Amino acid sequence: MFYSQESELKTSVFGIDVGYGNTKSAGRGPNREVVTGMFPSLPQYTATRTISNNGSHFKTRDITLVKIKGVEYAVGPGVSLSAAYGQTGRVLVDDYVMTNNYAALLAGAIYRSGFTHIERLMLGLPVHTIEKYTADLIERFTGEHDFGQGIITIEKVNVIPQPLGSLTYATALKGEHYATAQDHLVIDVGYYTTDWVYATDFMIDDRRSGGRPGGASQILQRIADNISRDQKEAVYDIERIDLSLRQGLPFHFYDQEIDLEPYLVEAHQFTHDVMMEIKNRVGPIESIRSIILSGGGSDLYRPVIQQTFPRTRLEHLENPCFANAIGYLMVGESAAGFVQ
C-alpha cells in the first residue's frame, strides 16, 4: 500500500514500467517518499487444481490473481521462474502492449500497490514503437476497470519514451551535473529492446535517438544455446540463467554447477550489432558529457558499451531497474504541477 486519501486509496501520479523482463512501479508512500515494487513479467495461467497451499508446512507463493477477458492469471514475485519447455509466460513481440499478458502485469502492479484511484498513470514505450502504440495504450487503460480484484479508476494515461524516465531519474540524482546545457546519451538496456535518447538540456534530438530489439534476452538465449551444445541437451531455463548471473552464482544443471562467465564473454559478440547501430545513429560523440546507462540488462551490456565508446564517461544509475518507473513518476508529477 502506498498512499491513502480518506477512505479511498487514491494517488495523484503512479508510474509503471511494464518491461519484457520485470514489471516495476513507483508511487508515493504515506510520507510522500518514493515507494517501488517489482516482479517478473511472467503472467501465468492459474492451475486447474491447487495443492501448493494444502498444508501449513509449505510456504504460500506471493502472487496476485487477475482476470483479463475472462482468463485468470497469476502475477507477482512468487511466480515460477521455470516451466515445462520454457513456457513461463514470457512474451517477446513488438506489439507486447496490446497483449493480455501486458494487461495482466499492469493490473497486478496496480492491485499490489493498493491504489483504487489513479489520477495520472504514467507508462513508457520503446522508442521504436511509441508512435504506433501510444494512442492504443491511452484508450485501453483510461477509465474504470475491474481486473478481478475490484474496480480501478484511471483518470488519465500519459505515455513517454522509456529512456526519458531514466534521464529524469538521473537528473534528480545528479542535479548539479545536469544543470548546464550539456549533451547526454541515455542507453536503456531492457530485456527485449535497447533504446537510446540523445538529449541536450532535456531537448531530444530525434535524428540521433532510436531503439531496436536486442536486449538482455539476446545474451541469455545465446548462453542457453551454448550450454545446450556443451551438455548435448536442450536448456530452456533462461530465467534461471538470468537469476544466476544477477546473483553471481553457478548455474545448476542436473549434477553440475556451471560457471557462466566464459559463456557470458562469448555471448557479448551478439551485442556488437546493437552498439554499432547506436554508434551509427548517434554519430560523433565528442560533445557528450556522459553516457547514462540504465535498465535491467545494463550490467550485461556495460563492457561492450565501454568498448564502443572508450573515451566517454559511463554513468551507471543507482537501482537501474527502477530508473524508468521512478522517472515516469517524476515526469507525471511535473506535468501535474505537483511540487514535493
C-alpha atoms as a PDB file:
ATOM      1  CA  MET A   1       0.000   0.000   0.000  1.00  0.00           C
ATOM      2  CA  PHE A   2       1.356   3.407  -0.990  1.00  0.00           C
ATOM      3  CA  TYR A   3      -0.786   6.407  -0.109  1.00  0.00           C
ATOM      4  CA  SER A   4      -4.302   6.807   1.222  1.00  0.00           C
ATOM      5  CA  GLN A   5      -6.712   9.705   0.893  1.00  0.00           C
ATOM      6  CA  GLU A   6      -9.774   9.391   3.142  1.00  0.00           C
ATOM      7  CA  SER A   7     -11.493   6.036   2.591  1.00  0.00           C
ATOM      8  CA  GLU A   8     -10.285   5.731  -0.985  1.00  0.00           C
ATOM      9  CA  LEU A   9      -6.812   4.595  -1.916  1.00  0.00           C
ATOM     10  CA  LYS A  10      -6.039   7.410  -4.296  1.00  0.00           C
ATOM     11  CA  THR A  11      -2.878   8.872  -5.743  1.00  0.00           C
ATOM     12  CA  SER A  12      -2.102  11.817  -7.992  1.00  0.00           C
ATOM     13  CA  VAL A  13       0.514  10.014 -10.087  1.00  0.00           C
ATOM     14  CA  PHE A  14       1.606   6.408 -10.433  1.00  0.00           C
ATOM     15  CA  GLY A  15       4.389   5.166 -12.733  1.00  0.00           C
ATOM     16  CA  ILE A  16       4.514   1.638 -14.129  1.00  0.00           C
ATOM     17  CA  ASP A  17       7.284   0.246 -16.308  1.00  0.00           C
ATOM     18  CA  VAL A  18       5.846  -2.974 -17.744  1.00  0.00           C
ATOM     19  CA  GLY A  19       9.072  -4.370 -19.097  1.00  0.00           C
ATOM     20  CA  TYR A  20       9.671  -7.571 -21.016  1.00  0.00           C
ATOM     21  CA  GLY A  21      11.828  -8.789 -18.134  1.00  0.00           C
ATOM     22  CA  ASN A  22      10.314  -7.287 -14.996  1.00  0.00           C
ATOM     23  CA  THR A  23       7.357  -5.074 -14.144  1.00  0.00           C
ATOM     24  CA  LYS A  24       8.363  -2.107 -11.984  1.00  0.00           C
ATOM     25  CA  SER A  25       6.233   0.537 -10.317  1.00  0.00           C
ATOM     26  CA  ALA A  26       6.806   3.762  -8.398  1.00  0.00           C
ATOM     27  CA  GLY A  27       4.428   5.834  -6.309  1.00  0.00           C
ATOM     28  CA  ARG A  28       4.334   7.987  -3.202  1.00  0.00           C
ATOM     29  CA  GLY A  29       4.092   6.492   0.273  1.00  0.00           C
ATOM     30  CA  PRO A  30       2.338   7.885   3.350  1.00  0.00           C
ATOM     31  CA  ASN A  31       5.166  10.365   3.991  1.00  0.00           C
ATOM     32  CA  ARG A  32       5.485  11.278   0.301  1.00  0.00           C
ATOM     33  CA  GLU A  33       8.563   9.086  -0.087  1.00  0.00           C
ATOM     34  CA  VAL A  34       9.067   7.152  -3.320  1.00  0.00           C
ATOM     35  CA  VAL A  35       7.957   3.542  -2.897  1.00  0.00           C
ATOM     36  CA  THR A  36       8.810   0.960  -5.557  1.00  0.00           C
ATOM     37  CA  GLY A  37       7.652  -2.526  -6.433  1.00  0.00           C
ATOM     38  CA  MET A  38       8.918  -5.172  -8.837  1.00  0.00           C
ATOM     39  CA  PHE A  39       8.069  -8.672 -10.009  1.00  0.00           C
ATOM     40  CA  PRO A  40       8.964 -10.820 -13.040  1.00  0.00           C
ATOM     41  CA  SER A  41       6.962 -10.142 -16.204  1.00  0.00           C
ATOM     42  CA  LEU A  42       5.693 -13.708 -16.210  1.00  0.00           C
ATOM     43  CA  PRO A  43       1.891 -13.749 -16.187  1.00  0.00           C
ATOM     44  CA  GLN A  44       0.981 -17.396 -15.783  1.00  0.00           C
ATOM     45  CA  TYR A  45      -2.333 -19.147 -16.253  1.00  0.00           C
ATOM     46  CA  THR A  46      -3.660 -20.356 -12.930  1.00  0.00           C
ATOM     47  CA  ALA A  47      -3.607 -24.096 -12.366  1.00  0.00           C
ATOM     48  CA  THR A  48      -6.850 -26.045 -12.701  1.00  0.00           C
ATOM     49  CA  ARG A  49      -6.167 -27.602  -9.297  1.00  0.00           C
ATOM     50  CA  THR A  50      -4.096 -26.349  -6.399  1.00  0.00           C
ATOM     51  CA  ILE A  51      -2.067 -28.453  -3.975  1.00  0.00           C
ATOM     52  CA  SER A  52       0.618 -25.917  -3.016  1.00  0.00           C
ATOM     53  CA  ASN A  53      -1.417 -24.390  -0.180  1.00  0.00           C
ATOM     54  CA  ASN A  54      -2.811 -27.639   1.217  1.00  0.00           C
ATOM     55  CA  GLY A  55      -0.739 -27.883   4.367  1.00  0.00           C
ATOM     56  CA  SER A  56       0.910 -25.331   6.626  1.00  0.00           C
ATOM     57  CA  HIS A  57       4.331 -26.933   6.135  1.00  0.00           C
ATOM     58  CA  PHE A  58       4.758 -25.201   2.758  1.00  0.00           C
ATOM     59  CA  LYS A  59       5.205 -21.508   2.063  1.00  0.00           C
ATOM     60  CA  THR A  60       2.472 -19.583   0.295  1.00  0.00           C
ATOM     61  CA  ARG A  61       3.517 -18.062  -3.014  1.00  0.00           C
ATOM     62  CA  ASP A  62       3.430 -14.261  -3.181  1.00  0.00           C
ATOM     63  CA  ILE A  63       1.128 -13.820  -6.171  1.00  0.00           C
ATOM     64  CA  THR A  64      -1.877 -11.735  -7.172  1.00  0.00           C
ATOM     65  CA  LEU A  65      -4.692 -13.194  -9.273  1.00  0.00           C
ATOM     66  CA  VAL A  66      -6.072 -11.003 -12.067  1.00  0.00           C
ATOM     67  CA  LYS A  67      -8.605 -11.590 -14.817  1.00  0.00           C
ATOM     68  CA  ILE A  68      -8.202 -10.337 -18.380  1.00  0.00           C
ATOM     69  CA  LYS A  69     -11.085 -11.043 -20.764  1.00  0.00           C
ATOM     70  CA  GLY A  70     -12.288 -13.859 -18.520  1.00  0.00           C
ATOM     71  CA  VAL A  71      -8.885 -15.585 -18.243  1.00  0.00           C
ATOM     72  CA  GLU A  72      -7.239 -15.739 -14.809  1.00  0.00           C
ATOM     73  CA  TYR A  73      -3.527 -15.075 -14.464  1.00  0.00           C
ATOM     74  CA  ALA A  74      -1.133 -15.250 -11.525  1.00  0.00           C
ATOM     75  CA  VAL A  75       1.388 -12.387 -11.309  1.00  0.00           C
ATOM     76  CA  GLY A  76       3.849 -11.292  -8.651  1.00  0.00           C
ATOM     77  CA  PRO A  77       7.231 -12.116  -7.098  1.00  0.00           C
ATOM     78  CA  GLY A  78       6.139 -15.682  -6.351  1.00  0.00           C
ATOM     79  CA  VAL A  79       5.578 -16.851  -9.930  1.00  0.00           C
ATOM     80  CA  SER A  80       7.702 -19.762 -11.050  1.00  0.00           C
ATOM     81  CA  LEU A  81      10.863 -18.964 -12.997  1.00  0.00           C
ATOM     82  CA  SER A  82      10.823 -22.354 -14.712  1.00  0.00           C
ATOM     83  CA  ALA A  83       8.177 -24.277 -16.594  1.00  0.00           C
ATOM     84  CA  ALA A  84       7.837 -27.205 -18.932  1.00  0.00           C
ATOM     85  CA  TYR A  85       9.883 -26.497 -22.089  1.00  0.00           C
ATOM     86  CA  GLY A  86      10.459 -22.888 -21.047  1.00  0.00           C
ATOM     87  CA  GLN A  87       6.789 -21.816 -21.352  1.00  0.00           C
ATOM     88  CA  THR A  88       6.943 -19.379 -18.427  1.00  0.00           C
ATOM     89  CA  GLY A  89       4.512 -16.803 -19.834  1.00  0.00           C
ATOM     90  CA  ARG A  90       7.164 -14.501 -21.283  1.00  0.00           C
ATOM     91  CA  VAL A  91       6.143 -12.685 -24.482  1.00  0.00           C
ATOM     92  CA  LEU A  92       8.788 -11.039 -26.708  1.00  0.00           C
ATOM     93  CA  VAL A  93       6.967  -9.225 -29.515  1.00  0.00           C
ATOM     94  CA  ASP A  94       6.787  -5.605 -30.650  1.00  0.00           C
ATOM     95  CA  ASP A  95       3.015  -5.424 -30.068  1.00  0.00           C
ATOM     96  CA  TYR A  96       3.521  -6.606 -26.496  1.00  0.00           C
ATOM     97  CA  VAL A  97       1.478  -3.701 -25.094  1.00  0.00           C
ATOM     98  CA  MET A  98      -1.611  -4.974 -26.920  1.00  0.00           C
ATOM     99  CA  THR A  99      -1.445  -8.464 -25.414  1.00  0.00           C
ATOM    100  CA  ASN A 100      -3.431  -9.860 -22.499  1.00  0.00           C
ATOM    101  CA  ASN A 101      -0.108 -10.565 -20.779  1.00  0.00           C
ATOM    102  CA  TYR A 102       0.720  -6.852 -20.677  1.00  0.00           C
ATOM    103  CA  ALA A 103      -2.713  -6.012 -19.263  1.00  0.00           C
ATOM    104  CA  ALA A 104      -2.330  -8.718 -16.595  1.00  0.00           C
ATOM    105  CA  LEU A 105       1.039  -7.340 -15.479  1.00  0.00           C
ATOM    106  CA  LEU A 106      -0.203  -3.746 -15.379  1.00  0.00           C
ATOM    107  CA  ALA A 107      -3.308  -4.766 -13.417  1.00  0.00           C
ATOM    108  CA  GLY A 108      -1.189  -6.770 -10.995  1.00  0.00           C
ATOM    109  CA  ALA A 109       1.123  -3.820 -10.365  1.00  0.00           C
ATOM    110  CA  ILE A 110      -1.846  -1.574  -9.532  1.00  0.00           C
ATOM    111  CA  TYR A 111      -3.559  -4.108  -7.291  1.00  0.00           C
ATOM    112  CA  ARG A 112      -0.319  -4.795  -5.443  1.00  0.00           C
ATOM    113  CA  SER A 113       0.141  -1.060  -4.836  1.00  0.00           C
ATOM    114  CA  GLY A 114      -3.239  -0.879  -3.106  1.00  0.00           C
ATOM    115  CA  PHE A 115      -4.462   2.043  -5.192  1.00  0.00           C
ATOM    116  CA  THR A 116      -8.039   2.085  -6.439  1.00  0.00           C
ATOM    117  CA  HIS A 117      -7.993   5.566  -7.998  1.00  0.00           C
ATOM    118  CA  ILE A 118      -5.111   6.951 -10.074  1.00  0.00           C
ATOM    119  CA  GLU A 119      -5.422  10.483 -11.405  1.00  0.00           C
ATOM    120  CA  ARG A 120      -2.473  10.150 -13.807  1.00  0.00           C
ATOM    121  CA  LEU A 121      -0.982   6.807 -14.838  1.00  0.00           C
ATOM    122  CA  MET A 122       2.455   7.144 -16.421  1.00  0.00           C
ATOM    123  CA  LEU A 123       3.603   4.470 -18.866  1.00  0.00           C
ATOM    124  CA  GLY A 124       6.527   4.124 -21.250  1.00  0.00           C
ATOM    125  CA  LEU A 125       7.150   2.531 -24.617  1.00  0.00           C
ATOM    126  CA  PRO A 126      10.292   1.555 -26.526  1.00  0.00           C
ATOM    127  CA  VAL A 127      11.373   4.378 -28.809  1.00  0.00           C
ATOM    128  CA  HIS A 128      10.746   2.388 -31.997  1.00  0.00           C
ATOM    129  CA  THR A 129       7.119   1.603 -31.053  1.00  0.00           C
ATOM    130  CA  ILE A 130       5.939   4.787 -29.332  1.00  0.00           C
ATOM    131  CA  GLU A 131       4.262   6.387 -32.364  1.00  0.00           C
ATOM    132  CA  LYS A 132       2.454   3.178 -33.222  1.00  0.00           C
ATOM    133  CA  TYR A 133       1.005   2.221 -29.835  1.00  0.00           C
ATOM    134  CA  THR A 134       0.649   5.367 -27.695  1.00  0.00           C
ATOM    135  CA  ALA A 135      -2.955   6.082 -28.678  1.00  0.00           C
ATOM    136  CA  ASP A 136      -3.916   2.430 -28.192  1.00  0.00           C
ATOM    137  CA  LEU A 137      -2.441   2.362 -24.688  1.00  0.00           C
ATOM    138  CA  ILE A 138      -4.252   5.538 -23.669  1.00  0.00           C
ATOM    139  CA  GLU A 139      -7.577   4.268 -24.986  1.00  0.00           C
ATOM    140  CA  ARG A 140      -7.139   0.824 -23.474  1.00  0.00           C
ATOM    141  CA  PHE A 141      -6.425   1.832 -19.875  1.00  0.00           C
ATOM    142  CA  THR A 142      -8.205   5.157 -19.342  1.00  0.00           C
ATOM    143  CA  GLY A 143     -11.422   4.806 -17.338  1.00  0.00           C
ATOM    144  CA  GLU A 144     -12.841   2.257 -14.897  1.00  0.00           C
ATOM    145  CA  HIS A 145     -11.663  -1.347 -14.918  1.00  0.00           C
ATOM    146  CA  ASP A 146     -12.260  -4.500 -12.925  1.00  0.00           C
ATOM    147  CA  PHE A 147      -9.407  -6.950 -13.321  1.00  0.00           C
ATOM    148  CA  GLY A 148     -10.824  -9.406 -10.816  1.00  0.00           C
ATOM    149  CA  GLN A 149      -9.896  -7.706  -7.541  1.00  0.00           C
ATOM    150  CA  GLY A 150     -12.232  -4.703  -7.576  1.00  0.00           C
ATOM    151  CA  ILE A 151     -12.793  -1.501  -9.533  1.00  0.00           C
ATOM    152  CA  ILE A 152      -9.767   0.591 -10.527  1.00  0.00           C
ATOM    153  CA  THR A 153     -10.283   4.154 -11.787  1.00  0.00           C
ATOM    154  CA  ILE A 154      -7.646   5.700 -14.050  1.00  0.00           C
ATOM    155  CA  GLU A 155      -8.462   9.294 -14.966  1.00  0.00           C
ATOM    156  CA  LYS A 156      -5.625   9.938 -17.390  1.00  0.00           C
ATOM    157  CA  VAL A 157      -2.886   7.917 -19.082  1.00  0.00           C
ATOM    158  CA  ASN A 158       0.341   9.511 -20.320  1.00  0.00           C
ATOM    159  CA  VAL A 159       2.912   7.635 -22.409  1.00  0.00           C
ATOM    160  CA  ILE A 160       6.550   8.697 -22.856  1.00  0.00           C
ATOM    161  CA  PRO A 161       9.649   7.148 -24.478  1.00  0.00           C
ATOM    162  CA  GLN A 162      11.229   4.780 -21.965  1.00  0.00           C
ATOM    163  CA  PRO A 163      14.687   6.402 -21.827  1.00  0.00           C
ATOM    164  CA  LEU A 164      13.138   9.727 -20.793  1.00  0.00           C
ATOM    165  CA  GLY A 165      12.275   8.088 -17.493  1.00  0.00           C
ATOM    166  CA  SER A 166      15.932   7.260 -16.926  1.00  0.00           C
ATOM    167  CA  LEU A 167      17.036  10.771 -17.935  1.00  0.00           C
ATOM    168  CA  THR A 168      14.586  12.319 -15.477  1.00  0.00           C
ATOM    169  CA  TYR A 169      15.727   9.975 -12.717  1.00  0.00           C
ATOM    170  CA  ALA A 170      19.385  10.740 -13.476  1.00  0.00           C
ATOM    171  CA  THR A 171      18.693  14.471 -13.268  1.00  0.00           C
ATOM    172  CA  ALA A 172      17.074  14.020  -9.851  1.00  0.00           C
ATOM    173  CA  LEU A 173      20.109  12.084  -8.603  1.00  0.00           C
ATOM    174  CA  LYS A 174      22.759  14.402 -10.066  1.00  0.00           C
ATOM    175  CA  GLY A 175      21.015  17.745 -10.375  1.00  0.00           C
ATOM    176  CA  GLU A 176      24.101  19.950 -10.491  1.00  0.00           C
ATOM    177  CA  HIS A 177      25.767  17.682 -13.017  1.00  0.00           C
ATOM    178  CA  TYR A 178      22.911  18.271 -15.443  1.00  0.00           C
ATOM    179  CA  ALA A 179      22.333  21.942 -14.619  1.00  0.00           C
ATOM    180  CA  THR A 180      24.082  23.274 -17.719  1.00  0.00           C
ATOM    181  CA  ALA A 181      23.094  22.658 -21.341  1.00  0.00           C
ATOM    182  CA  GLN A 182      25.297  19.618 -21.885  1.00  0.00           C
ATOM    183  CA  ASP A 183      24.746  16.693 -24.230  1.00  0.00           C
ATOM    184  CA  HIS A 184      23.958  13.291 -22.748  1.00  0.00           C
ATOM    185  CA  LEU A 185      23.271   9.913 -24.294  1.00  0.00           C
ATOM    186  CA  VAL A 186      20.874   7.673 -22.374  1.00  0.00           C
ATOM    187  CA  ILE A 187      21.108   3.958 -23.192  1.00  0.00           C
ATOM    188  CA  ASP A 188      18.319   1.881 -21.672  1.00  0.00           C
ATOM    189  CA  VAL A 189      19.034  -1.851 -21.927  1.00  0.00           C
ATOM    190  CA  GLY A 190      15.857  -3.796 -21.353  1.00  0.00           C
ATOM    191  CA  TYR A 191      15.069  -7.485 -21.550  1.00  0.00           C
ATOM    192  CA  TYR A 192      13.987  -7.458 -25.191  1.00  0.00           C
ATOM    193  CA  THR A 193      14.846  -3.992 -26.512  1.00  0.00           C
ATOM    194  CA  THR A 194      17.654  -1.464 -26.264  1.00  0.00           C
ATOM    195  CA  ASP A 195      16.633   2.188 -26.537  1.00  0.00           C
ATOM    196  CA  TRP A 196      18.728   5.330 -26.640  1.00  0.00           C
ATOM    197  CA  VAL A 197      17.997   9.041 -26.427  1.00  0.00           C
ATOM    198  CA  TYR A 198      20.362  11.863 -27.329  1.00  0.00           C
ATOM    199  CA  ALA A 199      19.369  14.883 -25.264  1.00  0.00           C
ATOM    200  CA  THR A 200      20.599  18.401 -24.606  1.00  0.00           C
ATOM    201  CA  ASP A 201      19.050  20.122 -21.619  1.00  0.00           C
ATOM    202  CA  PHE A 202      16.011  17.811 -21.908  1.00  0.00           C
ATOM    203  CA  MET A 203      15.609  18.577 -25.603  1.00  0.00           C
ATOM    204  CA  ILE A 204      15.627  15.317 -27.565  1.00  0.00           C
ATOM    205  CA  ASP A 205      17.383  15.043 -30.906  1.00  0.00           C
ATOM    206  CA  ASP A 206      15.060  12.630 -32.712  1.00  0.00           C
ATOM    207  CA  ARG A 207      17.517  12.099 -35.540  1.00  0.00           C
ATOM    208  CA  ARG A 208      20.106  10.725 -33.094  1.00  0.00           C
ATOM    209  CA  SER A 209      17.714   8.714 -30.908  1.00  0.00           C
ATOM    210  CA  GLY A 210      16.182   5.326 -31.525  1.00  0.00           C
ATOM    211  CA  GLY A 211      15.519   1.797 -30.358  1.00  0.00           C
ATOM    212  CA  ARG A 212      15.521  -1.778 -31.586  1.00  0.00           C
ATOM    213  CA  PRO A 213      15.026  -5.362 -30.473  1.00  0.00           C
ATOM    214  CA  GLY A 214      18.120  -6.697 -28.788  1.00  0.00           C
ATOM    215  CA  GLY A 215      18.426  -6.593 -25.007  1.00  0.00           C
ATOM    216  CA  ALA A 216      19.356  -8.924 -22.177  1.00  0.00           C
ATOM    217  CA  SER A 217      17.310 -11.812 -23.584  1.00  0.00           C
ATOM    218  CA  GLN A 218      19.614 -11.973 -26.596  1.00  0.00           C
ATOM    219  CA  ILE A 219      22.581 -12.684 -24.326  1.00  0.00           C
ATOM    220  CA  LEU A 220      20.647 -15.104 -22.113  1.00  0.00           C
ATOM    221  CA  GLN A 221      19.429 -17.117 -25.092  1.00  0.00           C
ATOM    222  CA  ARG A 222      22.944 -17.329 -26.520  1.00  0.00           C
ATOM    223  CA  ILE A 223      24.233 -18.631 -23.184  1.00  0.00           C
ATOM    224  CA  ALA A 224      21.434 -21.215 -23.077  1.00  0.00           C
ATOM    225  CA  ASP A 225      22.210 -22.312 -26.647  1.00  0.00           C
ATOM    226  CA  ASN A 226      25.906 -22.788 -25.865  1.00  0.00           C
ATOM    227  CA  ILE A 227      25.197 -24.727 -22.683  1.00  0.00           C
ATOM    228  CA  SER A 228      22.847 -26.914 -24.738  1.00  0.00           C
ATOM    229  CA  ARG A 229      25.677 -27.506 -27.203  1.00  0.00           C
ATOM    230  CA  ASP A 230      28.143 -28.491 -24.489  1.00  0.00           C
ATOM    231  CA  GLN A 231      25.689 -30.610 -22.500  1.00  0.00           C
ATOM    232  CA  LYS A 232      24.101 -32.156 -25.602  1.00  0.00           C
ATOM    233  CA  GLU A 233      20.684 -31.464 -24.136  1.00  0.00           C
ATOM    234  CA  ALA A 234      18.246 -28.586 -24.605  1.00  0.00           C
ATOM    235  CA  VAL A 235      18.366 -25.825 -21.984  1.00  0.00           C
ATOM    236  CA  TYR A 236      15.128 -23.848 -21.648  1.00  0.00           C
ATOM    237  CA  ASP A 237      15.620 -22.066 -18.306  1.00  0.00           C
ATOM    238  CA  ILE A 238      16.909 -18.663 -19.390  1.00  0.00           C
ATOM    239  CA  GLU A 239      15.082 -17.199 -16.368  1.00  0.00           C
ATOM    240  CA  ARG A 240      17.313 -19.254 -14.071  1.00  0.00           C
ATOM    241  CA  ILE A 241      20.360 -18.257 -16.107  1.00  0.00           C
ATOM    242  CA  ASP A 242      19.372 -14.615 -15.613  1.00  0.00           C
ATOM    243  CA  LEU A 243      18.982 -15.159 -11.862  1.00  0.00           C
ATOM    244  CA  SER A 244      22.350 -16.920 -11.620  1.00  0.00           C
ATOM    245  CA  LEU A 245      24.095 -14.041 -13.399  1.00  0.00           C
ATOM    246  CA  ARG A 246      22.445 -11.453 -11.148  1.00  0.00           C
ATOM    247  CA  GLN A 247      23.418 -13.372  -8.022  1.00  0.00           C
ATOM    248  CA  GLY A 248      26.907 -14.216  -9.272  1.00  0.00           C
ATOM    249  CA  LEU A 249      26.283 -17.926  -8.736  1.00  0.00           C
ATOM    250  CA  PRO A 250      26.900 -21.003 -10.896  1.00  0.00           C
ATOM    251  CA  PHE A 251      24.044 -22.356 -12.984  1.00  0.00           C
ATOM    252  CA  HIS A 252      22.750 -25.654 -11.612  1.00  0.00           C
ATOM    253  CA  PHE A 253      22.177 -28.248 -14.323  1.00  0.00           C
ATOM    254  CA  TYR A 254      21.483 -31.800 -13.153  1.00  0.00           C
ATOM    255  CA  ASP A 255      24.534 -32.721 -11.028  1.00  0.00           C
ATOM    256  CA  GLN A 256      26.708 -29.855 -12.291  1.00  0.00           C
ATOM    257  CA  GLU A 257      27.379 -26.285 -11.164  1.00  0.00           C
ATOM    258  CA  ILE A 258      28.246 -24.470 -14.402  1.00  0.00           C
ATOM    259  CA  ASP A 259      30.402 -21.332 -14.359  1.00  0.00           C
ATOM    260  CA  LEU A 260      28.591 -18.844 -16.602  1.00  0.00           C
ATOM    261  CA  GLU A 261      31.418 -16.332 -17.002  1.00  0.00           C
ATOM    262  CA  PRO A 262      33.003 -17.945 -20.102  1.00  0.00           C
ATOM    263  CA  TYR A 263      29.566 -18.210 -21.712  1.00  0.00           C
ATOM    264  CA  LEU A 264      28.846 -14.561 -20.912  1.00  0.00           C
ATOM    265  CA  VAL A 265      32.084 -13.377 -22.502  1.00  0.00           C
ATOM    266  CA  GLU A 266      31.312 -15.325 -25.688  1.00  0.00           C
ATOM    267  CA  ALA A 267      27.732 -14.049 -25.801  1.00  0.00           C
ATOM    268  CA  HIS A 268      28.878 -10.410 -25.806  1.00  0.00           C
ATOM    269  CA  GLN A 269      29.593 -10.687 -29.521  1.00  0.00           C
ATOM    270  CA  PHE A 270      25.826 -10.548 -30.081  1.00  0.00           C
ATOM    271  CA  THR A 271      25.615  -7.089 -28.557  1.00  0.00           C
ATOM    272  CA  HIS A 272      28.021  -5.554 -31.078  1.00  0.00           C
ATOM    273  CA  ASP A 273      25.326  -5.191 -33.742  1.00  0.00           C
ATOM    274  CA  VAL A 274      23.216  -3.187 -31.287  1.00  0.00           C
ATOM    275  CA  MET A 275      26.160  -0.984 -30.352  1.00  0.00           C
ATOM    276  CA  MET A 276      27.103  -0.387 -33.970  1.00  0.00           C
ATOM    277  CA  GLU A 277      23.580   0.775 -34.771  1.00  0.00           C
ATOM    278  CA  ILE A 278      23.667   3.183 -31.817  1.00  0.00           C
ATOM    279  CA  LYS A 279      27.081   4.463 -32.869  1.00  0.00           C
ATOM    280  CA  ASN A 280      25.999   4.984 -36.480  1.00  0.00           C
ATOM    281  CA  ARG A 281      22.747   6.703 -35.477  1.00  0.00           C
ATOM    282  CA  VAL A 282      24.317   8.975 -32.865  1.00  0.00           C
ATOM    283  CA  GLY A 283      27.382   9.919 -34.895  1.00  0.00           C
ATOM    284  CA  PRO A 284      30.373  11.782 -33.395  1.00  0.00           C
ATOM    285  CA  ILE A 285      30.099  11.968 -29.609  1.00  0.00           C
ATOM    286  CA  GLU A 286      32.964  14.273 -28.603  1.00  0.00           C
ATOM    287  CA  SER A 287      30.413  16.761 -27.211  1.00  0.00           C
ATOM    288  CA  ILE A 288      28.667  14.222 -24.987  1.00  0.00           C
ATOM    289  CA  ARG A 289      29.343  14.813 -21.310  1.00  0.00           C
ATOM    290  CA  SER A 290      28.325  11.285 -20.276  1.00  0.00           C
ATOM    291  CA  ILE A 291      26.531   8.122 -21.294  1.00  0.00           C
ATOM    292  CA  ILE A 292      23.796   7.310 -18.805  1.00  0.00           C
ATOM    293  CA  LEU A 293      23.315   3.561 -18.585  1.00  0.00           C
ATOM    294  CA  SER A 294      20.077   2.169 -17.188  1.00  0.00           C
ATOM    295  CA  GLY A 295      17.755  -0.801 -17.429  1.00  0.00           C
ATOM    296  CA  GLY A 296      17.763  -4.301 -16.016  1.00  0.00           C
ATOM    297  CA  GLY A 297      20.176  -5.532 -18.691  1.00  0.00           C
ATOM    298  CA  SER A 298      22.677  -2.708 -18.207  1.00  0.00           C
ATOM    299  CA  ASP A 299      25.256  -4.812 -16.356  1.00  0.00           C
ATOM    300  CA  LEU A 300      25.335  -7.330 -19.200  1.00  0.00           C
ATOM    301  CA  TYR A 301      25.928  -4.620 -21.826  1.00  0.00           C
ATOM    302  CA  ARG A 302      28.312  -2.415 -19.846  1.00  0.00           C
ATOM    303  CA  PRO A 303      31.613  -3.960 -21.121  1.00  0.00           C
ATOM    304  CA  VAL A 304      30.582  -3.657 -24.781  1.00  0.00           C
ATOM    305  CA  ILE A 305      29.250  -0.107 -24.345  1.00  0.00           C
ATOM    306  CA  GLN A 306      32.508   0.954 -22.711  1.00  0.00           C
ATOM    307  CA  GLN A 307      34.473  -0.726 -25.512  1.00  0.00           C
ATOM    308  CA  THR A 308      32.340   1.031 -28.162  1.00  0.00           C
ATOM    309  CA  PHE A 309      32.701   4.477 -26.542  1.00  0.00           C
ATOM    310  CA  PRO A 310      36.067   4.225 -24.711  1.00  0.00           C
ATOM    311  CA  ARG A 311      36.660   7.974 -24.250  1.00  0.00           C
ATOM    312  CA  THR A 312      33.239   8.882 -22.883  1.00  0.00           C
ATOM    313  CA  ARG A 313      32.350   8.725 -19.217  1.00  0.00           C
ATOM    314  CA  LEU A 314      29.869   5.961 -18.469  1.00  0.00           C
ATOM    315  CA  GLU A 315      27.457   6.616 -15.623  1.00  0.00           C
ATOM    316  CA  HIS A 316      25.580   3.691 -14.118  1.00  0.00           C
ATOM    317  CA  LEU A 317      22.492   4.789 -12.213  1.00  0.00           C
ATOM    318  CA  GLU A 318      21.635   3.582  -8.743  1.00  0.00           C
ATOM    319  CA  ASN A 319      18.871   0.985  -8.881  1.00  0.00           C
ATOM    320  CA  PRO A 320      18.894   0.919 -12.704  1.00  0.00           C
ATOM    321  CA  CYS A 321      15.939  -1.482 -12.783  1.00  0.00           C
ATOM    322  CA  PHE A 322      13.731   1.213 -11.234  1.00  0.00           C
ATOM    323  CA  ALA A 323      15.153   4.166 -13.184  1.00  0.00           C
ATOM    324  CA  ASN A 324      12.313   4.328 -15.707  1.00  0.00           C
ATOM    325  CA  ALA A 325       9.482   3.770 -13.228  1.00  0.00           C
ATOM    326  CA  ILE A 326      10.751   6.459 -10.851  1.00  0.00           C
ATOM    327  CA  GLY A 327      11.395   8.765 -13.798  1.00  0.00           C
ATOM    328  CA  TYR A 328       7.837   8.240 -15.050  1.00  0.00           C
ATOM    329  CA  LEU A 329       6.557   9.224 -11.611  1.00  0.00           C
ATOM    330  CA  MET A 330       8.631  12.402 -11.655  1.00  0.00           C
ATOM    331  CA  VAL A 331       7.589  13.338 -15.195  1.00  0.00           C
ATOM    332  CA  GLY A 332       3.964  12.824 -14.253  1.00  0.00           C
ATOM    333  CA  GLU A 333       4.264  14.954 -11.146  1.00  0.00           C
ATOM    334  CA  SER A 334       5.887  17.708 -13.157  1.00  0.00           C
ATOM    335  CA  ALA A 335       3.090  17.581 -15.740  1.00  0.00           C
ATOM    336  CA  ALA A 336       0.503  17.702 -12.959  1.00  0.00           C
ATOM    337  CA  GLY A 337       2.215  20.715 -11.368  1.00  0.00           C
ATOM    338  CA  PHE A 338       2.897  18.712  -8.245  1.00  0.00           C
ATOM    339  CA  VAL A 339       5.645  20.127  -6.014  1.00  0.00           C
ATOM    340  CA  GLN A 340       7.430  17.949  -3.477  1.00  0.00           C
END
